[in-house]
PDB file of N, CA and C in Angstrom:
ATOM      1  N   MET A   1      -3.434   4.917 -15.846  1.00  0.00           N
ATOM      2  CA  MET A   1      -3.375   4.581 -14.431  1.00  0.00           C
ATOM      3  C   MET A   1      -2.398   5.534 -13.746  1.00  0.00           C
ATOM      4  N   ILE A   2      -2.807   6.065 -12.612  1.00  0.00           N
ATOM      5  CA  ILE A   2      -1.950   6.918 -11.797  1.00  0.00           C
ATOM      6  C   ILE A   2      -1.480   6.099 -10.601  1.00  0.00           C
ATOM      7  N   LEU A   3      -0.181   6.061 -10.386  1.00  0.00           N
ATOM      8  CA  LEU A   3       0.377   5.448  -9.190  1.00  0.00           C
ATOM      9  C   LEU A   3       0.824   6.580  -8.280  1.00  0.00           C
ATOM     10  N   SER A   4       0.573   6.422  -7.003  1.00  0.00           N
ATOM     11  CA  SER A   4       0.970   7.476  -6.072  1.00  0.00           C
ATOM     12  C   SER A   4       1.451   6.871  -4.765  1.00  0.00           C
ATOM     13  N   GLN A   5       2.169   7.697  -4.053  1.00  0.00           N
ATOM     14  CA  GLN A   5       2.637   7.354  -2.711  1.00  0.00           C
ATOM     15  C   GLN A   5       2.231   8.525  -1.829  1.00  0.00           C
ATOM     16  N   VAL A   6       1.514   8.238  -0.766  1.00  0.00           N
ATOM     17  CA  VAL A   6       0.991   9.323   0.057  1.00  0.00           C
ATOM     18  C   VAL A   6       1.214   9.049   1.538  1.00  0.00           C
ATOM     19  N   SER A   7       1.530  10.111   2.235  1.00  0.00           N
ATOM     20  CA  SER A   7       1.560  10.123   3.699  1.00  0.00           C
ATOM     21  C   SER A   7       0.730  11.318   4.132  1.00  0.00           C
ATOM     22  N   VAL A   8      -0.242  11.087   4.964  1.00  0.00           N
ATOM     23  CA  VAL A   8      -1.082  12.160   5.493  1.00  0.00           C
ATOM     24  C   VAL A   8      -1.010  12.055   7.008  1.00  0.00           C
ATOM     25  N   TYR A   9      -0.627  13.146   7.639  1.00  0.00           N
ATOM     26  CA  TYR A   9      -0.509  13.088   9.087  1.00  0.00           C
ATOM     27  C   TYR A   9      -0.737  14.462   9.704  1.00  0.00           C
ATOM     28  N   PRO A  10      -1.313  14.445  10.898  1.00  0.00           N
ATOM     29  CA  PRO A  10      -1.514  15.702  11.612  1.00  0.00           C
ATOM     30  C   PRO A  10      -0.221  16.106  12.311  1.00  0.00           C
ATOM     31  N   VAL A  11      -0.047  17.379  12.485  1.00  0.00           N
ATOM     32  CA  VAL A  11       1.077  17.879  13.276  1.00  0.00           C
ATOM     33  C   VAL A  11       0.518  18.684  14.437  1.00  0.00           C
ATOM     34  N   GLY A  12       1.299  18.742  15.499  1.00  0.00           N
ATOM     35  CA  GLY A  12       0.882  19.504  16.666  1.00  0.00           C
ATOM     36  C   GLY A  12      -0.047  18.761  17.600  1.00  0.00           C
ATOM     37  N   GLU A  13      -0.215  17.459  17.374  1.00  0.00           N
ATOM     38  CA  GLU A  13      -1.073  16.665  18.256  1.00  0.00           C
ATOM     39  C   GLU A  13      -0.299  16.262  19.503  1.00  0.00           C
ATOM     40  N   GLU A  14      -1.012  16.114  20.613  1.00  0.00           N
ATOM     41  CA  GLU A  14      -0.370  15.666  21.850  1.00  0.00           C
ATOM     42  C   GLU A  14       0.051  14.218  21.739  1.00  0.00           C
ATOM     43  N   GLY A  15       1.199  13.900  22.300  1.00  0.00           N
ATOM     44  CA  GLY A  15       1.696  12.536  22.280  1.00  0.00           C
ATOM     45  C   GLY A  15       2.449  12.248  20.999  1.00  0.00           C
ATOM     46  N   THR A  16       2.997  11.053  20.930  1.00  0.00           N
ATOM     47  CA  THR A  16       3.799  10.688  19.765  1.00  0.00           C
ATOM     48  C   THR A  16       3.088   9.723  18.825  1.00  0.00           C
ATOM     49  N   SER A  17       2.015   9.105  19.257  1.00  0.00           N
ATOM     50  CA  SER A  17       1.326   8.135  18.423  1.00  0.00           C
ATOM     51  C   SER A  17       0.274   8.814  17.544  1.00  0.00           C
ATOM     52  N   LEU A  18       0.321   8.525  16.254  1.00  0.00           N
ATOM     53  CA  LEU A  18      -0.652   9.060  15.308  1.00  0.00           C
ATOM     54  C   LEU A  18      -1.499   7.953  14.703  1.00  0.00           C
ATOM     55  N   GLY A  19      -1.435   6.766  15.313  1.00  0.00           N
ATOM     56  CA  GLY A  19      -2.094   5.589  14.766  1.00  0.00           C
ATOM     57  C   GLY A  19      -3.574   5.764  14.511  1.00  0.00           C
ATOM     58  N   ARG A  20      -4.272   6.457  15.377  1.00  0.00           N
ATOM     59  CA  ARG A  20      -5.725   6.602  15.188  1.00  0.00           C
ATOM     60  C   ARG A  20      -6.030   7.391  13.920  1.00  0.00           C
ATOM     61  N   PHE A  21      -5.188   8.368  13.593  1.00  0.00           N
ATOM     62  CA  PHE A  21      -5.379   9.141  12.374  1.00  0.00           C
ATOM     63  C   PHE A  21      -5.071   8.281  11.146  1.00  0.00           C
ATOM     64  N   VAL A  22      -3.977   7.550  11.209  1.00  0.00           N
ATOM     65  CA  VAL A  22      -3.579   6.698  10.088  1.00  0.00           C
ATOM     66  C   VAL A  22      -4.659   5.652   9.822  1.00  0.00           C
ATOM     67  N   ARG A  23      -5.180   5.042  10.863  1.00  0.00           N
ATOM     68  CA  ARG A  23      -6.241   4.032  10.690  1.00  0.00           C
ATOM     69  C   ARG A  23      -7.460   4.619   9.981  1.00  0.00           C
ATOM     70  N   LYS A  24      -7.840   5.838  10.342  1.00  0.00           N
ATOM     71  CA  LYS A  24      -8.985   6.486   9.688  1.00  0.00           C
ATOM     72  C   LYS A  24      -8.703   6.720   8.206  1.00  0.00           C
ATOM     73  N   GLY A  25      -7.487   7.182   7.897  1.00  0.00           N
ATOM     74  CA  GLY A  25      -7.117   7.411   6.497  1.00  0.00           C
ATOM     75  C   GLY A  25      -7.092   6.129   5.691  1.00  0.00           C
ATOM     76  N   ILE A  26      -6.527   5.071   6.261  1.00  0.00           N
ATOM     77  CA  ILE A  26      -6.465   3.775   5.577  1.00  0.00           C
ATOM     78  C   ILE A  26      -7.876   3.237   5.344  1.00  0.00           C
ATOM     79  N   GLN A  27      -8.768   3.449   6.277  1.00  0.00           N
ATOM     80  CA  GLN A  27     -10.151   2.988   6.111  1.00  0.00           C
ATOM     81  C   GLN A  27     -10.799   3.669   4.904  1.00  0.00           C
ATOM     82  N   VAL A  28     -10.556   4.969   4.749  1.00  0.00           N
ATOM     83  CA  VAL A  28     -11.101   5.700   3.598  1.00  0.00           C
ATOM     84  C   VAL A  28     -10.546   5.121   2.297  1.00  0.00           C
ATOM     85  N   ILE A  29      -9.248   4.861   2.268  1.00  0.00           N
ATOM     86  CA  ILE A  29      -8.615   4.303   1.067  1.00  0.00           C
ATOM     87  C   ILE A  29      -9.183   2.915   0.776  1.00  0.00           C
ATOM     88  N   LYS A  30      -9.322   2.108   1.814  1.00  0.00           N
ATOM     89  CA  LYS A  30      -9.873   0.757   1.637  1.00  0.00           C
ATOM     90  C   LYS A  30     -11.282   0.815   1.057  1.00  0.00           C
ATOM     91  N   GLU A  31     -12.099   1.710   1.593  1.00  0.00           N
ATOM     92  CA  GLU A  31     -13.483   1.832   1.138  1.00  0.00           C
ATOM     93  C   GLU A  31     -13.583   2.357  -0.295  1.00  0.00           C
ATOM     94  N   SER A  32     -12.538   3.006  -0.786  1.00  0.00           N
ATOM     95  CA  SER A  32     -12.559   3.533  -2.152  1.00  0.00           C
ATOM     96  C   SER A  32     -12.587   2.421  -3.195  1.00  0.00           C
ATOM     97  N   GLY A  33     -12.069   1.246  -2.829  1.00  0.00           N
ATOM     98  CA  GLY A  33     -11.999   0.139  -3.772  1.00  0.00           C
ATOM     99  C   GLY A  33     -10.758   0.143  -4.648  1.00  0.00           C
ATOM    100  N   TYR A  34      -9.928   1.166  -4.528  1.00  0.00           N
ATOM    101  CA  TYR A  34      -8.698   1.224  -5.309  1.00  0.00           C
ATOM    102  C   TYR A  34      -7.671   0.252  -4.741  1.00  0.00           C
ATOM    103  N   THR A  35      -6.779  -0.214  -5.595  1.00  0.00           N
ATOM    104  CA  THR A  35      -5.672  -1.052  -5.152  1.00  0.00           C
ATOM    105  C   THR A  35      -4.715  -0.189  -4.345  1.00  0.00           C
ATOM    106  N   TYR A  36      -4.272  -0.696  -3.199  1.00  0.00           N
ATOM    107  CA  TYR A  36      -3.350   0.065  -2.360  1.00  0.00           C
ATOM    108  C   TYR A  36      -2.451  -0.890  -1.594  1.00  0.00           C
ATOM    109  N   SER A  37      -1.363  -0.351  -1.075  1.00  0.00           N
ATOM    110  CA  SER A  37      -0.438  -1.130  -0.268  1.00  0.00           C
ATOM    111  C   SER A  37       0.100  -0.229   0.844  1.00  0.00           C
ATOM    112  N   VAL A  38      -0.143  -0.639   2.074  1.00  0.00           N
ATOM    113  CA  VAL A  38       0.324   0.143   3.221  1.00  0.00           C
ATOM    114  C   VAL A  38       1.772  -0.215   3.505  1.00  0.00           C
ATOM    115  N   GLY A  39       2.615   0.801   3.605  1.00  0.00           N
ATOM    116  CA  GLY A  39       4.014   0.616   3.959  1.00  0.00           C
ATOM    117  C   GLY A  39       4.284   1.196   5.333  1.00  0.00           C
ATOM    118  N   GLY A  40       5.514   1.101   5.761  1.00  0.00           N
ATOM    119  CA  GLY A  40       5.882   1.590   7.084  1.00  0.00           C
ATOM    120  C   GLY A  40       5.797   3.103   7.228  1.00  0.00           C
ATOM    121  N   LEU A  41       6.000   3.829   6.129  1.00  0.00           N
ATOM    122  CA  LEU A  41       6.010   5.285   6.198  1.00  0.00           C
ATOM    123  C   LEU A  41       5.047   5.958   5.225  1.00  0.00           C
ATOM    124  N   SER A  42       4.441   5.178   4.338  1.00  0.00           N
ATOM    125  CA  SER A  42       3.515   5.756   3.366  1.00  0.00           C
ATOM    126  C   SER A  42       2.623   4.656   2.812  1.00  0.00           C
ATOM    127  N   THR A  43       1.646   5.068   2.016  1.00  0.00           N
ATOM    128  CA  THR A  43       0.740   4.133   1.365  1.00  0.00           C
ATOM    129  C   THR A  43       0.789   4.372  -0.135  1.00  0.00           C
ATOM    130  N   ALA A  44       0.934   3.301  -0.901  1.00  0.00           N
ATOM    131  CA  ALA A  44       0.918   3.379  -2.361  1.00  0.00           C
ATOM    132  C   ALA A  44      -0.503   3.096  -2.839  1.00  0.00           C
ATOM    133  N   ILE A  45      -0.939   3.848  -3.850  1.00  0.00           N
ATOM    134  CA  ILE A  45      -2.324   3.740  -4.333  1.00  0.00           C
ATOM    135  C   ILE A  45      -2.339   3.791  -5.856  1.00  0.00           C
ATOM    136  N   GLU A  46      -3.202   2.977  -6.471  1.00  0.00           N
ATOM    137  CA  GLU A  46      -3.483   3.049  -7.907  1.00  0.00           C
ATOM    138  C   GLU A  46      -4.847   3.703  -8.082  1.00  0.00           C
ATOM    139  N   THR A  47      -4.909   4.738  -8.903  1.00  0.00           N
ATOM    140  CA  THR A  47      -6.192   5.350  -9.247  1.00  0.00           C
ATOM    141  C   THR A  47      -6.260   5.515 -10.763  1.00  0.00           C
ATOM    142  N   PRO A  48      -7.461   5.596 -11.320  1.00  0.00           N
ATOM    143  CA  PRO A  48      -7.564   5.691 -12.777  1.00  0.00           C
ATOM    144  C   PRO A  48      -7.090   7.023 -13.349  1.00  0.00           C
ATOM    145  N   ASP A  49      -7.155   8.100 -12.538  1.00  0.00           N
ATOM    146  CA  ASP A  49      -6.772   9.418 -13.035  1.00  0.00           C
ATOM    147  C   ASP A  49      -6.485  10.359 -11.870  1.00  0.00           C
ATOM    148  N   LEU A  50      -5.984  11.544 -12.199  1.00  0.00           N
ATOM    149  CA  LEU A  50      -5.623  12.515 -11.160  1.00  0.00           C
ATOM    150  C   LEU A  50      -6.826  12.994 -10.364  1.00  0.00           C
ATOM    151  N   ASP A  51      -7.953  13.219 -11.042  1.00  0.00           N
ATOM    152  CA  ASP A  51      -9.134  13.673 -10.315  1.00  0.00           C
ATOM    153  C   ASP A  51      -9.542  12.676  -9.242  1.00  0.00           C
ATOM    154  N   SER A  52      -9.503  11.391  -9.572  1.00  0.00           N
ATOM    155  CA  SER A  52      -9.848  10.349  -8.594  1.00  0.00           C
ATOM    156  C   SER A  52      -8.871  10.365  -7.422  1.00  0.00           C
ATOM    157  N   LEU A  53      -7.582  10.534  -7.724  1.00  0.00           N
ATOM    158  CA  LEU A  53      -6.575  10.590  -6.665  1.00  0.00           C
ATOM    159  C   LEU A  53      -6.817  11.781  -5.750  1.00  0.00           C
ATOM    160  N   PHE A  54      -7.018  12.957  -6.333  1.00  0.00           N
ATOM    161  CA  PHE A  54      -7.209  14.152  -5.513  1.00  0.00           C
ATOM    162  C   PHE A  54      -8.505  14.075  -4.703  1.00  0.00           C
ATOM    163  N   ASP A  55      -9.557  13.492  -5.276  1.00  0.00           N
ATOM    164  CA  ASP A  55     -10.796  13.296  -4.517  1.00  0.00           C
ATOM    165  C   ASP A  55     -10.551  12.386  -3.323  1.00  0.00           C
ATOM    166  N   LEU A  56      -9.763  11.331  -3.528  1.00  0.00           N
ATOM    167  CA  LEU A  56      -9.450  10.411  -2.444  1.00  0.00           C
ATOM    168  C   LEU A  56      -8.624  11.106  -1.359  1.00  0.00           C
ATOM    169  N   ILE A  57      -7.632  11.878  -1.753  1.00  0.00           N
ATOM    170  CA  ILE A  57      -6.797  12.601  -0.783  1.00  0.00           C
ATOM    171  C   ILE A  57      -7.652  13.573   0.026  1.00  0.00           C
ATOM    172  N   LYS A  58      -8.601  14.224  -0.621  1.00  0.00           N
ATOM    173  CA  LYS A  58      -9.506  15.129   0.103  1.00  0.00           C
ATOM    174  C   LYS A  58     -10.298  14.369   1.164  1.00  0.00           C
ATOM    175  N   LYS A  59     -10.742  13.160   0.826  1.00  0.00           N
ATOM    176  CA  LYS A  59     -11.513  12.354   1.779  1.00  0.00           C
ATOM    177  C   LYS A  59     -10.644  11.891   2.946  1.00  0.00           C
ATOM    178  N   VAL A  60      -9.405  11.531   2.658  1.00  0.00           N
ATOM    179  CA  VAL A  60      -8.479  11.141   3.735  1.00  0.00           C
ATOM    180  C   VAL A  60      -8.225  12.332   4.643  1.00  0.00           C
ATOM    181  N   ARG A  61      -7.994  13.487   4.042  1.00  0.00           N
ATOM    182  CA  ARG A  61      -7.788  14.720   4.811  1.00  0.00           C
ATOM    183  C   ARG A  61      -9.002  14.996   5.709  1.00  0.00           C
ATOM    184  N   GLN A  62     -10.202  14.845   5.155  1.00  0.00           N
ATOM    185  CA  GLN A  62     -11.409  15.085   5.938  1.00  0.00           C
ATOM    186  C   GLN A  62     -11.535  14.100   7.095  1.00  0.00           C
ATOM    187  N   ALA A  63     -11.120  12.860   6.868  1.00  0.00           N
ATOM    188  CA  ALA A  63     -11.149  11.867   7.955  1.00  0.00           C
ATOM    189  C   ALA A  63     -10.247  12.298   9.107  1.00  0.00           C
ATOM    190  N   HIS A  64      -9.108  12.895   8.785  1.00  0.00           N
ATOM    191  CA  HIS A  64      -8.209  13.395   9.827  1.00  0.00           C
ATOM    192  C   HIS A  64      -8.841  14.573  10.559  1.00  0.00           C
ATOM    193  N   LEU A  65      -9.478  15.458   9.810  1.00  0.00           N
ATOM    194  CA  LEU A  65     -10.167  16.582  10.447  1.00  0.00           C
ATOM    195  C   LEU A  65     -11.278  16.073  11.359  1.00  0.00           C
ATOM    196  N   ASP A  66     -12.035  15.090  10.882  1.00  0.00           N
ATOM    197  CA  ASP A  66     -13.120  14.521  11.686  1.00  0.00           C
ATOM    198  C   ASP A  66     -12.594  13.859  12.953  1.00  0.00           C
ATOM    199  N   GLU A  67     -11.349  13.389  12.907  1.00  0.00           N
ATOM    200  CA  GLU A  67     -10.722  12.749  14.068  1.00  0.00           C
ATOM    201  C   GLU A  67     -10.159  13.793  15.043  1.00  0.00           C
ATOM    202  N   GLY A  68     -10.197  15.067  14.650  1.00  0.00           N
ATOM    203  CA  GLY A  68      -9.766  16.129  15.562  1.00  0.00           C
ATOM    204  C   GLY A  68      -8.484  16.839  15.176  1.00  0.00           C
ATOM    205  N   ALA A  69      -7.905  16.515  14.033  1.00  0.00           N
ATOM    206  CA  ALA A  69      -6.669  17.188  13.618  1.00  0.00           C
ATOM    207  C   ALA A  69      -6.940  18.669  13.373  1.00  0.00           C
ATOM    208  N   ARG A  70      -5.983  19.480  13.761  1.00  0.00           N
ATOM    209  CA  ARG A  70      -6.097  20.916  13.539  1.00  0.00           C
ATOM    210  C   ARG A  70      -5.111  21.417  12.487  1.00  0.00           C
ATOM    211  N   ARG A  71      -4.122  20.601  12.176  1.00  0.00           N
ATOM    212  CA  ARG A  71      -3.153  20.920  11.129  1.00  0.00           C
ATOM    213  C   ARG A  71      -2.728  19.605  10.492  1.00  0.00           C
ATOM    214  N   ILE A  72      -2.709  19.562   9.156  1.00  0.00           N
ATOM    215  CA  ILE A  72      -2.445  18.318   8.442  1.00  0.00           C
ATOM    216  C   ILE A  72      -1.372  18.544   7.384  1.00  0.00           C
ATOM    217  N   VAL A  73      -0.436  17.621   7.309  1.00  0.00           N
ATOM    218  CA  VAL A  73       0.586  17.635   6.263  1.00  0.00           C
ATOM    219  C   VAL A  73       0.284  16.479   5.312  1.00  0.00           C
ATOM    220  N   VAL A  74       0.303  16.771   4.013  1.00  0.00           N
ATOM    221  CA  VAL A  74       0.120  15.747   2.992  1.00  0.00           C
ATOM    222  C   VAL A  74       1.398  15.703   2.161  1.00  0.00           C
ATOM    223  N   ASP A  75       2.027  14.540   2.154  1.00  0.00           N
ATOM    224  CA  ASP A  75       3.225  14.308   1.347  1.00  0.00           C
ATOM    225  C   ASP A  75       2.805  13.367   0.233  1.00  0.00           C
ATOM    226  N   LEU A  76       2.805  13.865  -1.016  1.00  0.00           N
ATOM    227  CA  LEU A  76       2.259  13.111  -2.139  1.00  0.00           C
ATOM    228  C   LEU A  76       3.272  13.032  -3.275  1.00  0.00           C
ATOM    229  N   LYS A  77       3.502  11.822  -3.752  1.00  0.00           N
ATOM    230  CA  LYS A  77       4.340  11.579  -4.925  1.00  0.00           C
ATOM    231  C   LYS A  77       3.458  10.896  -5.966  1.00  0.00           C
ATOM    232  N   ILE A  78       3.532  11.378  -7.234  1.00  0.00           N
ATOM    233  CA  ILE A  78       2.679  10.867  -8.300  1.00  0.00           C
ATOM    234  C   ILE A  78       3.531  10.370  -9.458  1.00  0.00           C
ATOM    235  N   ASP A  79       3.207   9.172  -9.940  1.00  0.00           N
ATOM    236  CA  ASP A  79       3.822   8.607 -11.140  1.00  0.00           C
ATOM    237  C   ASP A  79       2.742   8.569 -12.212  1.00  0.00           C
ATOM    238  N   ASP A  80       2.793   9.510 -13.136  1.00  0.00           N
ATOM    239  CA  ASP A  80       1.788   9.654 -14.198  1.00  0.00           C
ATOM    240  C   ASP A  80       2.431   9.228 -15.510  1.00  0.00           C
ATOM    241  N   ARG A  81       2.479   7.933 -15.730  1.00  0.00           N
ATOM    242  CA  ARG A  81       3.204   7.361 -16.865  1.00  0.00           C
ATOM    243  C   ARG A  81       2.258   7.143 -18.043  1.00  0.00           C
ATOM    244  N   HIS A  82       2.699   7.557 -19.238  1.00  0.00           N
ATOM    245  CA  HIS A  82       1.857   7.440 -20.425  1.00  0.00           C
ATOM    246  C   HIS A  82       2.429   6.524 -21.501  1.00  0.00           C
ATOM    247  N   ASP A  83       3.637   5.981 -21.283  1.00  0.00           N
ATOM    248  CA  ASP A  83       4.229   5.118 -22.307  1.00  0.00           C
ATOM    249  C   ASP A  83       3.839   3.655 -22.157  1.00  0.00           C
ATOM    250  N   LYS A  84       3.338   3.269 -20.984  1.00  0.00           N
ATOM    251  CA  LYS A  84       2.834   1.912 -20.788  1.00  0.00           C
ATOM    252  C   LYS A  84       1.942   1.883 -19.565  1.00  0.00           C
ATOM    253  N   ASN A  85       1.154   0.835 -19.441  1.00  0.00           N
ATOM    254  CA  ASN A  85       0.243   0.696 -18.319  1.00  0.00           C
ATOM    255  C   ASN A  85       0.984   0.035 -17.155  1.00  0.00           C
ATOM    256  N   ALA A  86       1.346   0.821 -16.163  1.00  0.00           N
ATOM    257  CA  ALA A  86       2.049   0.297 -14.994  1.00  0.00           C
ATOM    258  C   ALA A  86       1.075   0.166 -13.827  1.00  0.00           C
ATOM    259  N   THR A  87       1.313  -0.821 -12.990  1.00  0.00           N
ATOM    260  CA  THR A  87       0.544  -1.016 -11.768  1.00  0.00           C
ATOM    261  C   THR A  87       1.533  -1.125 -10.615  1.00  0.00           C
ATOM    262  N   LEU A  88       1.026  -1.092  -9.401  1.00  0.00           N
ATOM    263  CA  LEU A  88       1.920  -1.283  -8.251  1.00  0.00           C
ATOM    264  C   LEU A  88       2.613  -2.628  -8.353  1.00  0.00           C
ATOM    265  N   GLN A  89       1.853  -3.656  -8.730  1.00  0.00           N
ATOM    266  CA  GLN A  89       2.434  -5.002  -8.830  1.00  0.00           C
ATOM    267  C   GLN A  89       3.477  -5.075  -9.935  1.00  0.00           C
ATOM    268  N   SER A  90       3.228  -4.443 -11.080  1.00  0.00           N
ATOM    269  CA  SER A  90       4.215  -4.517 -12.179  1.00  0.00           C
ATOM    270  C   SER A  90       5.504  -3.795 -11.798  1.00  0.00           C
ATOM    271  N   LYS A  91       5.408  -2.748 -11.011  1.00  0.00           N
ATOM    272  CA  LYS A  91       6.626  -2.053 -10.563  1.00  0.00           C
ATOM    273  C   LYS A  91       7.417  -2.934  -9.603  1.00  0.00           C
ATOM    274  N   ILE A  92       6.719  -3.611  -8.711  1.00  0.00           N
ATOM    275  CA  ILE A  92       7.412  -4.519  -7.780  1.00  0.00           C
ATOM    276  C   ILE A  92       8.045  -5.675  -8.534  1.00  0.00           C
ATOM    277  N   THR A  93       7.276  -6.254  -9.450  1.00  0.00           N
ATOM    278  CA  THR A  93       7.776  -7.383 -10.231  1.00  0.00           C
ATOM    279  C   THR A  93       9.017  -7.017 -11.039  1.00  0.00           C
ATOM    280  N   SER A  94       9.069  -5.797 -11.545  1.00  0.00           N
ATOM    281  CA  SER A  94      10.195  -5.389 -12.382  1.00  0.00           C
ATOM    282  C   SER A  94      11.506  -5.294 -11.615  1.00  0.00           C
ATOM    283  N   VAL A  95      11.458  -5.244 -10.309  1.00  0.00           N
ATOM    284  CA  VAL A  95      12.701  -5.124  -9.521  1.00  0.00           C
ATOM    285  C   VAL A  95      12.949  -6.326  -8.610  1.00  0.00           C
ATOM    286  N   THR A  96      12.084  -7.320  -8.650  1.00  0.00           N
ATOM    287  CA  THR A  96      12.296  -8.496  -7.802  1.00  0.00           C
ATOM    288  C   THR A  96      12.484  -9.751  -8.641  1.00  0.00           C
TER     289      THR A  96
END
């Protein structure tokens, strides 16, 4: 299982609100069927492997392009753990 934290956002857009872009990206993640959790500054996602994660990120990026973005920043953190099967919930449980 791959756990990741991702923020995808356009830069250089008029105005300060990027909500329409974020909503499009979250919709793509939701439709993927993967477990995810939206946070205030990023979204955590569980995927079975790196290829699945990168395919999903490409789709989120494309959703931003389809929404009119001309420049996109992707901030991605990956937890690729092989000593045990971790999930988003097990990580939360371990600290609460």
